[in-house]
Amino acid sequence: MGDDKPARSLGEQIQAAEHEAARQRILALAEAERIPVEETTRVVAVRAGRRGRG
């Protein structure tokens, strides 16, 4: 009644940890650069108003 999956090697464990760390860094960067929807809709509304004045 053992596991069907063999234990992961140390190299695979290290690679998985590095992959997860990179994933977390990318998510943190994306969150830092995220623009709230309220700000994007306000900018679009301002641009639409300027377009009609020309």
PDB file of N, CA and C in Angstrom:
ATOM      1  N   MET A   1       0.809  -1.203   0.000  1.00  0.00           N
ATOM      2  CA  MET A   1       0.000   0.000   0.000  1.00  0.00           C
ATOM      3  C   MET A   1       0.851   1.266   0.000  1.00  0.00           C
ATOM      4  N   GLY A   2       1.867   1.293  -0.800  1.00  0.00           N
ATOM      5  CA  GLY A   2       2.741   2.457  -0.866  1.00  0.00           C
ATOM      6  C   GLY A   2       2.253   3.486  -1.861  1.00  0.00           C
ATOM      7  N   ASP A   3       2.950   4.599  -1.917  1.00  0.00           N
ATOM      8  CA  ASP A   3       2.623   5.648  -2.892  1.00  0.00           C
ATOM      9  C   ASP A   3       2.941   5.173  -4.296  1.00  0.00           C
ATOM     10  N   ASP A   4       2.107   5.587  -5.247  1.00  0.00           N
ATOM     11  CA  ASP A   4       2.405   5.306  -6.643  1.00  0.00           C
ATOM     12  C   ASP A   4       3.475   6.252  -7.171  1.00  0.00           C
ATOM     13  N   LYS A   5       3.581   7.449  -6.564  1.00  0.00           N
ATOM     14  CA  LYS A   5       4.557   8.448  -6.998  1.00  0.00           C
ATOM     15  C   LYS A   5       5.868   8.249  -6.231  1.00  0.00           C
ATOM     16  N   PRO A   6       6.981   8.243  -6.931  1.00  0.00           N
ATOM     17  CA  PRO A   6       8.258   8.194  -6.205  1.00  0.00           C
ATOM     18  C   PRO A   6       8.516   9.548  -5.525  1.00  0.00           C
ATOM     19  N   ALA A   7       9.301   9.530  -4.486  1.00  0.00           N
ATOM     20  CA  ALA A   7       9.649  10.776  -3.795  1.00  0.00           C
ATOM     21  C   ALA A   7      10.419  11.690  -4.748  1.00  0.00           C
ATOM     22  N   ARG A   8      10.140  12.985  -4.664  1.00  0.00           N
ATOM     23  CA  ARG A   8      10.855  13.923  -5.548  1.00  0.00           C
ATOM     24  C   ARG A   8      12.307  14.056  -5.107  1.00  0.00           C
ATOM     25  N   SER A   9      13.160  14.206  -6.083  1.00  0.00           N
ATOM     26  CA  SER A   9      14.579  14.355  -5.772  1.00  0.00           C
ATOM     27  C   SER A   9      14.825  15.754  -5.205  1.00  0.00           C
ATOM     28  N   LEU A  10      15.971  15.920  -4.611  1.00  0.00           N
ATOM     29  CA  LEU A  10      16.333  17.216  -4.052  1.00  0.00           C
ATOM     30  C   LEU A  10      16.352  18.289  -5.139  1.00  0.00           C
ATOM     31  N   GLY A  11      16.862  17.951  -6.315  1.00  0.00           N
ATOM     32  CA  GLY A  11      16.911  18.905  -7.424  1.00  0.00           C
ATOM     33  C   GLY A  11      15.518  19.364  -7.829  1.00  0.00           C
ATOM     34  N   GLU A  12      14.568  18.412  -7.879  1.00  0.00           N
ATOM     35  CA  GLU A  12      13.188  18.759  -8.224  1.00  0.00           C
ATOM     36  C   GLU A  12      12.554  19.637  -7.154  1.00  0.00           C
ATOM     37  N   GLN A  13      12.861  19.362  -5.901  1.00  0.00           N
ATOM     38  CA  GLN A  13      12.334  20.170  -4.804  1.00  0.00           C
ATOM     39  C   GLN A  13      12.872  21.596  -4.875  1.00  0.00           C
ATOM     40  N   ILE A  14      14.171  21.727  -5.162  1.00  0.00           N
ATOM     41  CA  ILE A  14      14.788  23.052  -5.276  1.00  0.00           C
ATOM     42  C   ILE A  14      14.190  23.810  -6.455  1.00  0.00           C
ATOM     43  N   GLN A  15      14.021  23.119  -7.580  1.00  0.00           N
ATOM     44  CA  GLN A  15      13.438  23.757  -8.763  1.00  0.00           C
ATOM     45  C   GLN A  15      12.013  24.216  -8.479  1.00  0.00           C
ATOM     46  N   ALA A  16      11.231  23.407  -7.787  1.00  0.00           N
ATOM     47  CA  ALA A  16       9.859  23.775  -7.454  1.00  0.00           C
ATOM     48  C   ALA A  16       9.846  24.998  -6.523  1.00  0.00           C
ATOM     49  N   ALA A  17      10.758  25.041  -5.570  1.00  0.00           N
ATOM     50  CA  ALA A  17      10.835  26.180  -4.654  1.00  0.00           C
ATOM     51  C   ALA A  17      11.233  27.452  -5.399  1.00  0.00           C
ATOM     52  N   GLU A  18      12.188  27.341  -6.320  1.00  0.00           N
ATOM     53  CA  GLU A  18      12.596  28.507  -7.111  1.00  0.00           C
ATOM     54  C   GLU A  18      11.453  28.985  -8.011  1.00  0.00           C
ATOM     55  N   HIS A  19      10.724  28.033  -8.589  1.00  0.00           N
ATOM     56  CA  HIS A  19       9.579  28.371  -9.437  1.00  0.00           C
ATOM     57  C   HIS A  19       8.523  29.136  -8.630  1.00  0.00           C
ATOM     58  N   GLU A  20       8.229  28.655  -7.437  1.00  0.00           N
ATOM     59  CA  GLU A  20       7.234  29.319  -6.587  1.00  0.00           C
ATOM     60  C   GLU A  20       7.718  30.707  -6.158  1.00  0.00           C
ATOM     61  N   ALA A  21       8.992  30.848  -5.856  1.00  0.00           N
ATOM     62  CA  ALA A  21       9.533  32.156  -5.471  1.00  0.00           C
ATOM     63  C   ALA A  21       9.426  33.139  -6.633  1.00  0.00           C
ATOM     64  N   ALA A  22       9.724  32.675  -7.843  1.00  0.00           N
ATOM     65  CA  ALA A  22       9.609  33.540  -9.025  1.00  0.00           C
ATOM     66  C   ALA A  22       8.149  33.928  -9.249  1.00  0.00           C
ATOM     67  N   ARG A  23       7.251  32.972  -9.069  1.00  0.00           N
ATOM     68  CA  ARG A  23       5.819  33.246  -9.224  1.00  0.00           C
ATOM     69  C   ARG A  23       5.370  34.326  -8.239  1.00  0.00           C
ATOM     70  N   GLN A  24       5.815  34.217  -7.009  1.00  0.00           N
ATOM     71  CA  GLN A  24       5.448  35.207  -5.985  1.00  0.00           C
ATOM     72  C   GLN A  24       6.003  36.589  -6.324  1.00  0.00           C
ATOM     73  N   ARG A  25       7.236  36.645  -6.863  1.00  0.00           N
ATOM     74  CA  ARG A  25       7.817  37.943  -7.257  1.00  0.00           C
ATOM     75  C   ARG A  25       7.008  38.577  -8.385  1.00  0.00           C
ATOM     76  N   ILE A  26       6.616  37.768  -9.361  1.00  0.00           N
ATOM     77  CA  ILE A  26       5.826  38.291 -10.483  1.00  0.00           C
ATOM     78  C   ILE A  26       4.478  38.799  -9.989  1.00  0.00           C
ATOM     79  N   LEU A  27       3.823  38.048  -9.112  1.00  0.00           N
ATOM     80  CA  LEU A  27       2.539  38.486  -8.575  1.00  0.00           C
ATOM     81  C   LEU A  27       2.684  39.787  -7.777  1.00  0.00           C
ATOM     82  N   ALA A  28       3.761  39.909  -7.017  1.00  0.00           N
ATOM     83  CA  ALA A  28       3.996  41.129  -6.240  1.00  0.00           C
ATOM     84  C   ALA A  28       4.220  42.324  -7.162  1.00  0.00           C
ATOM     85  N   LEU A  29       4.980  42.134  -8.240  1.00  0.00           N
ATOM     86  CA  LEU A  29       5.206  43.216  -9.201  1.00  0.00           C
ATOM     87  C   LEU A  29       3.901  43.623  -9.877  1.00  0.00           C
ATOM     88  N   ALA A  30       3.102  42.635 -10.268  1.00  0.00           N
ATOM     89  CA  ALA A  30       1.832  42.924 -10.927  1.00  0.00           C
ATOM     90  C   ALA A  30       0.909  43.698  -9.993  1.00  0.00           C
ATOM     91  N   GLU A  31       0.873  43.330  -8.737  1.00  0.00           N
ATOM     92  CA  GLU A  31       0.020  44.034  -7.770  1.00  0.00           C
ATOM     93  C   GLU A  31       0.516  45.459  -7.545  1.00  0.00           C
ATOM     94  N   ALA A  32       1.832  45.643  -7.516  1.00  0.00           N
ATOM     95  CA  ALA A  32       2.396  46.980  -7.312  1.00  0.00           C
ATOM     96  C   ALA A  32       2.081  47.894  -8.495  1.00  0.00           C
ATOM     97  N   GLU A  33       1.997  47.331  -9.701  1.00  0.00           N
ATOM     98  CA  GLU A  33       1.756  48.133 -10.905  1.00  0.00           C
ATOM     99  C   GLU A  33       0.276  48.233 -11.266  1.00  0.00           C
ATOM    100  N   ARG A  34      -0.563  47.543 -10.515  1.00  0.00           N
ATOM    101  CA  ARG A  34      -1.995  47.499 -10.820  1.00  0.00           C
ATOM    102  C   ARG A  34      -2.622  48.880 -10.665  1.00  0.00           C
ATOM    103  N   ILE A  35      -3.496  49.238 -11.595  1.00  0.00           N
ATOM    104  CA  ILE A  35      -4.217  50.504 -11.534  1.00  0.00           C
ATOM    105  C   ILE A  35      -5.668  50.178 -11.191  1.00  0.00           C
ATOM    106  N   PRO A  36      -6.200  50.757 -10.126  1.00  0.00           N
ATOM    107  CA  PRO A  36      -7.588  50.474  -9.757  1.00  0.00           C
ATOM    108  C   PRO A  36      -8.554  50.833 -10.891  1.00  0.00           C
ATOM    109  N   VAL A  37      -9.611  50.057 -11.029  1.00  0.00           N
ATOM    110  CA  VAL A  37     -10.585  50.272 -12.100  1.00  0.00           C
ATOM    111  C   VAL A  37     -11.166  51.676 -12.036  1.00  0.00           C
ATOM    112  N   GLU A  38     -11.386  52.185 -10.838  1.00  0.00           N
ATOM    113  CA  GLU A  38     -11.967  53.520 -10.699  1.00  0.00           C
ATOM    114  C   GLU A  38     -11.103  54.566 -11.400  1.00  0.00           C
ATOM    115  N   GLU A  39      -9.795  54.433 -11.309  1.00  0.00           N
ATOM    116  CA  GLU A  39      -8.888  55.393 -11.936  1.00  0.00           C
ATOM    117  C   GLU A  39      -8.895  55.254 -13.453  1.00  0.00           C
ATOM    118  N   THR A  40      -8.971  54.034 -13.971  1.00  0.00           N
ATOM    119  CA  THR A  40      -8.956  53.859 -15.417  1.00  0.00           C
ATOM    120  C   THR A  40     -10.243  54.380 -16.039  1.00  0.00           C
ATOM    121  N   THR A  41     -11.380  54.179 -15.391  1.00  0.00           N
ATOM    122  CA  THR A  41     -12.641  54.657 -15.961  1.00  0.00           C
ATOM    123  C   THR A  41     -12.706  56.179 -15.904  1.00  0.00           C
ATOM    124  N   ARG A  42     -12.126  56.772 -14.873  1.00  0.00           N
ATOM    125  CA  ARG A  42     -12.120  58.229 -14.771  1.00  0.00           C
ATOM    126  C   ARG A  42     -11.274  58.835 -15.893  1.00  0.00           C
ATOM    127  N   VAL A  43     -10.130  58.243 -16.186  1.00  0.00           N
ATOM    128  CA  VAL A  43      -9.254  58.751 -17.247  1.00  0.00           C
ATOM    129  C   VAL A  43      -9.946  58.635 -18.598  1.00  0.00           C
ATOM    130  N   VAL A  44     -10.604  57.525 -18.850  1.00  0.00           N
ATOM    131  CA  VAL A  44     -11.314  57.344 -20.115  1.00  0.00           C
ATOM    132  C   VAL A  44     -12.401  58.395 -20.252  1.00  0.00           C
ATOM    133  N   ALA A  45     -13.125  58.681 -19.180  1.00  0.00           N
ATOM    134  CA  ALA A  45     -14.199  59.667 -19.229  1.00  0.00           C
ATOM    135  C   ALA A  45     -13.635  61.051 -19.553  1.00  0.00           C
ATOM    136  N   VAL A  46     -12.495  61.399 -18.975  1.00  0.00           N
ATOM    137  CA  VAL A  46     -11.873  62.698 -19.246  1.00  0.00           C
ATOM    138  C   VAL A  46     -11.455  62.782 -20.711  1.00  0.00           C
ATOM    139  N   ARG A  47     -10.848  61.722 -21.221  1.00  0.00           N
ATOM    140  CA  ARG A  47     -10.422  61.719 -22.628  1.00  0.00           C
ATOM    141  C   ARG A  47     -11.622  61.829 -23.560  1.00  0.00           C
ATOM    142  N   ALA A  48     -12.700  61.165 -23.249  1.00  0.00           N
ATOM    143  CA  ALA A  48     -13.901  61.214 -24.106  1.00  0.00           C
ATOM    144  C   ALA A  48     -14.456  62.628 -24.124  1.00  0.00           C
ATOM    145  N   GLY A  49     -14.410  63.317 -23.003  1.00  0.00           N
ATOM    146  CA  GLY A  49     -14.887  64.688 -22.956  1.00  0.00           C
ATOM    147  C   GLY A  49     -14.022  65.620 -23.784  1.00  0.00           C
ATOM    148  N   ARG A  50     -12.731  65.400 -23.763  1.00  0.00           N
ATOM    149  CA  ARG A  50     -11.819  66.251 -24.550  1.00  0.00           C
ATOM    150  C   ARG A  50     -11.999  66.032 -26.035  1.00  0.00           C
ATOM    151  N   ARG A  51     -12.301  64.795 -26.437  1.00  0.00           N
ATOM    152  CA  ARG A  51     -12.452  64.469 -27.836  1.00  0.00           C
ATOM    153  C   ARG A  51     -13.627  65.263 -28.452  1.00  0.00           C
ATOM    154  N   GLY A  52     -14.676  65.438 -27.709  1.00  0.00           N
ATOM    155  CA  GLY A  52     -15.858  66.123 -28.221  1.00  0.00           C
ATOM    156  C   GLY A  52     -15.679  67.625 -28.337  1.00  0.00           C
ATOM    157  N   ARG A  53     -14.678  68.186 -27.671  1.00  0.00           N
ATOM    158  CA  ARG A  53     -14.479  69.657 -27.669  1.00  0.00           C
ATOM    159  C   ARG A  53     -13.703  70.151 -28.867  1.00  0.00           C
ATOM    160  N   GLY A  54     -12.983  69.278 -29.528  1.00  0.00           N
ATOM    161  CA  GLY A  54     -12.042  69.657 -30.562  1.00  0.00           C
ATOM    162  C   GLY A  54     -12.671  70.288 -31.728  1.00  0.00           C
TER     163      GLY A  54
END
